[in-house]
C-alpha atoms as a PDB file:
ATOM      1  CA  MET A   1      21.719 -12.811  -3.085  1.00  0.00           C
ATOM      2  CA  PRO A   2      20.551 -12.044   0.468  1.00  0.00           C
ATOM      3  CA  GLN A   3      17.925  -9.372   1.055  1.00  0.00           C
ATOM      4  CA  GLN A   4      19.578  -5.970   1.403  1.00  0.00           C
ATOM      5  CA  SER A   5      18.418  -3.225   3.727  1.00  0.00           C
ATOM      6  CA  PHE A   6      17.131   0.047   2.322  1.00  0.00           C
ATOM      7  CA  GLU A   7      20.275   1.782   3.552  1.00  0.00           C
ATOM      8  CA  GLU A   8      22.484  -0.764   1.754  1.00  0.00           C
ATOM      9  CA  LEU A   9      20.474  -0.346  -1.448  1.00  0.00           C
ATOM     10  CA  CYS A  10      20.766   3.454  -1.233  1.00  0.00           C
ATOM     11  CA  GLU A  11      24.532   3.137  -0.804  1.00  0.00           C
ATOM     12  CA  LEU A  12      24.827   0.609  -3.642  1.00  0.00           C
ATOM     13  CA  PHE A  13      23.063   2.922  -6.113  1.00  0.00           C
ATOM     14  CA  ALA A  14      24.229   6.256  -4.614  1.00  0.00           C
ATOM     15  CA  TYR A  15      20.570   7.124  -4.082  1.00  0.00           C
ATOM     16  CA  GLN A  16      19.467  10.002  -1.842  1.00  0.00           C
ATOM     17  CA  PRO A  17      16.056   8.963  -0.444  1.00  0.00           C
ATOM     18  CA  LYS A  18      13.118  11.351  -0.546  1.00  0.00           C
ATOM     19  CA  GLY A  19      11.453   9.587   2.396  1.00  0.00           C
ATOM     20  CA  ARG A  20       7.996   9.348   0.808  1.00  0.00           C
ATOM     21  CA  PRO A  21       6.112   7.345  -1.818  1.00  0.00           C
ATOM     22  CA  LEU A  22       7.001   8.254  -5.401  1.00  0.00           C
ATOM     23  CA  ASP A  23       4.563   8.765  -8.269  1.00  0.00           C
ATOM     24  CA  SER A  24       5.086   7.108 -11.659  1.00  0.00           C
ATOM     25  CA  GLU A  25       7.149   9.939 -13.119  1.00  0.00           C
ATOM     26  CA  GLU A  26       9.443  10.072 -10.092  1.00  0.00           C
ATOM     27  CA  ALA A  27       9.793   6.277 -10.117  1.00  0.00           C
ATOM     28  CA  ALA A  28      10.680   6.357 -13.821  1.00  0.00           C
ATOM     29  CA  GLU A  29      13.316   8.980 -13.051  1.00  0.00           C
ATOM     30  CA  VAL A  30      14.870   6.742 -10.374  1.00  0.00           C
ATOM     31  CA  LEU A  31      14.956   3.829 -12.822  1.00  0.00           C
ATOM     32  CA  ARG A  32      16.108   6.135 -15.652  1.00  0.00           C
ATOM     33  CA  ILE A  33      13.370   4.958 -17.990  1.00  0.00           C
ATOM     34  CA  HIS A  34      10.492   6.669 -19.806  1.00  0.00           C
ATOM     35  CA  PRO A  35       7.293   7.098 -17.721  1.00  0.00           C
ATOM     36  CA  GLY A  36       5.390   5.203 -20.432  1.00  0.00           C
ATOM     37  CA  THR A  37       7.629   2.217 -19.763  1.00  0.00           C
ATOM     38  CA  MET A  38       6.463   2.269 -16.141  1.00  0.00           C
ATOM     39  CA  ALA A  39       2.866   1.972 -17.348  1.00  0.00           C
ATOM     40  CA  GLN A  40       3.825  -0.941 -19.614  1.00  0.00           C
ATOM     41  CA  TYR A  41       5.546  -2.711 -16.713  1.00  0.00           C
ATOM     42  CA  ARG A  42       2.383  -2.339 -14.609  1.00  0.00           C
ATOM     43  CA  LEU A  43       0.207  -3.607 -17.445  1.00  0.00           C
ATOM     44  CA  ARG A  44       2.362  -6.698 -17.962  1.00  0.00           C
ATOM     45  CA  GLY A  45       3.064  -7.247 -14.253  1.00  0.00           C
ATOM     46  CA  GLU A  46       6.802  -7.101 -14.880  1.00  0.00           C
ATOM     47  CA  GLY A  47       8.025  -4.076 -12.978  1.00  0.00           C
ATOM     48  CA  PRO A  48       8.469  -3.181  -9.349  1.00  0.00           C
ATOM     49  CA  ARG A  49       5.593  -3.492  -6.889  1.00  0.00           C
ATOM     50  CA  PHE A  50       3.224  -0.505  -6.865  1.00  0.00           C
ATOM     51  CA  PHE A  51       0.296   0.754  -4.826  1.00  0.00           C
ATOM     52  CA  SER A  52      -3.003   2.143  -6.113  1.00  0.00           C
ATOM     53  CA  PRO A  53      -5.449   3.180  -3.367  1.00  0.00           C
ATOM     54  CA  PRO A  54      -9.036   1.979  -3.946  1.00  0.00           C
ATOM     55  CA  GLY A  55     -11.228   4.470  -5.772  1.00  0.00           C
ATOM     56  CA  THR A  56      -8.277   6.380  -7.239  1.00  0.00           C
ATOM     57  CA  ARG A  57      -6.244   6.309 -10.417  1.00  0.00           C
ATOM     58  CA  ARG A  58      -3.096   7.284  -8.537  1.00  0.00           C
ATOM     59  CA  VAL A  59      -0.097   4.977  -8.505  1.00  0.00           C
ATOM     60  CA  TRP A  60       2.657   5.097  -5.924  1.00  0.00           C
ATOM     61  CA  TYR A  61       5.962   3.285  -5.513  1.00  0.00           C
ATOM     62  CA  ALA A  62       8.036   2.654  -2.395  1.00  0.00           C
ATOM     63  CA  GLU A  63      11.639   3.721  -2.859  1.00  0.00           C
ATOM     64  CA  LYS A  64      12.916   0.431  -1.407  1.00  0.00           C
ATOM     65  CA  ASP A  65      10.839  -1.554  -3.941  1.00  0.00           C
ATOM     66  CA  LEU A  66      12.385   0.392  -6.828  1.00  0.00           C
ATOM     67  CA  LEU A  67      15.952  -0.129  -5.632  1.00  0.00           C
ATOM     68  CA  ALA A  68      15.322  -3.789  -4.765  1.00  0.00           C
ATOM     69  CA  TRP A  69      13.873  -4.344  -8.243  1.00  0.00           C
ATOM     70  CA  ILE A  70      17.029  -2.909  -9.836  1.00  0.00           C
ATOM     71  CA  ALA A  71      19.210  -5.079  -7.566  1.00  0.00           C
ATOM     72  CA  SER A  72      17.178  -8.186  -8.456  1.00  0.00           C
ATOM     73  CA  GLY A  73      18.728  -8.062 -11.925  1.00  0.00           C
ATOM     74  CA  ALA A  74      22.301  -8.340 -10.621  1.00  0.00           C
ATOM     75  CA  LYS A  75      24.631 -10.525 -12.704  1.00  0.00           C
ATOM     76  CA  ARG A  76      28.349 -11.227 -12.884  1.00  0.00           C
ATOM     77  CA  SER A  77      28.392 -12.293 -16.546  1.00  0.00           C
ATOM     78  CA  THR A  78      26.334 -11.569 -19.661  1.00  0.00           C
ATOM     79  CA  SER A  79      25.775 -15.331 -20.031  1.00  0.00           C
ATOM     80  CA  GLU A  80      24.316 -15.625 -16.527  1.00  0.00           C
ATOM     81  CA  THR A  81      20.532 -15.792 -16.229  1.00  0.00           C
ATOM     82  CA  VAL A  82      18.711 -13.764 -13.608  1.00  0.00           C
ATOM     83  CA  ALA A  83      16.850 -15.826 -11.015  1.00  0.00           C
ATOM     84  CA  ALA A  84      13.118 -15.168 -11.358  1.00  0.00           C
END
């Protein structure tokens, strides 16, 4: 699937952008998962890309990365595998 623009991703998922980086709780809300799951994704390196400024314990997510991560799991059949 070709790379989609942020605007296309927002339209695809009916997402109203906030226009700023999102913290873990906000990112979990966008993905509709528990915030603890976000931490597990980070630990295992399985979730969307995140940013953690040096010397801080803060974690931030770009809205486009969250929507692109959701879109990366697109399938047309339950028997279809997702390209890694």
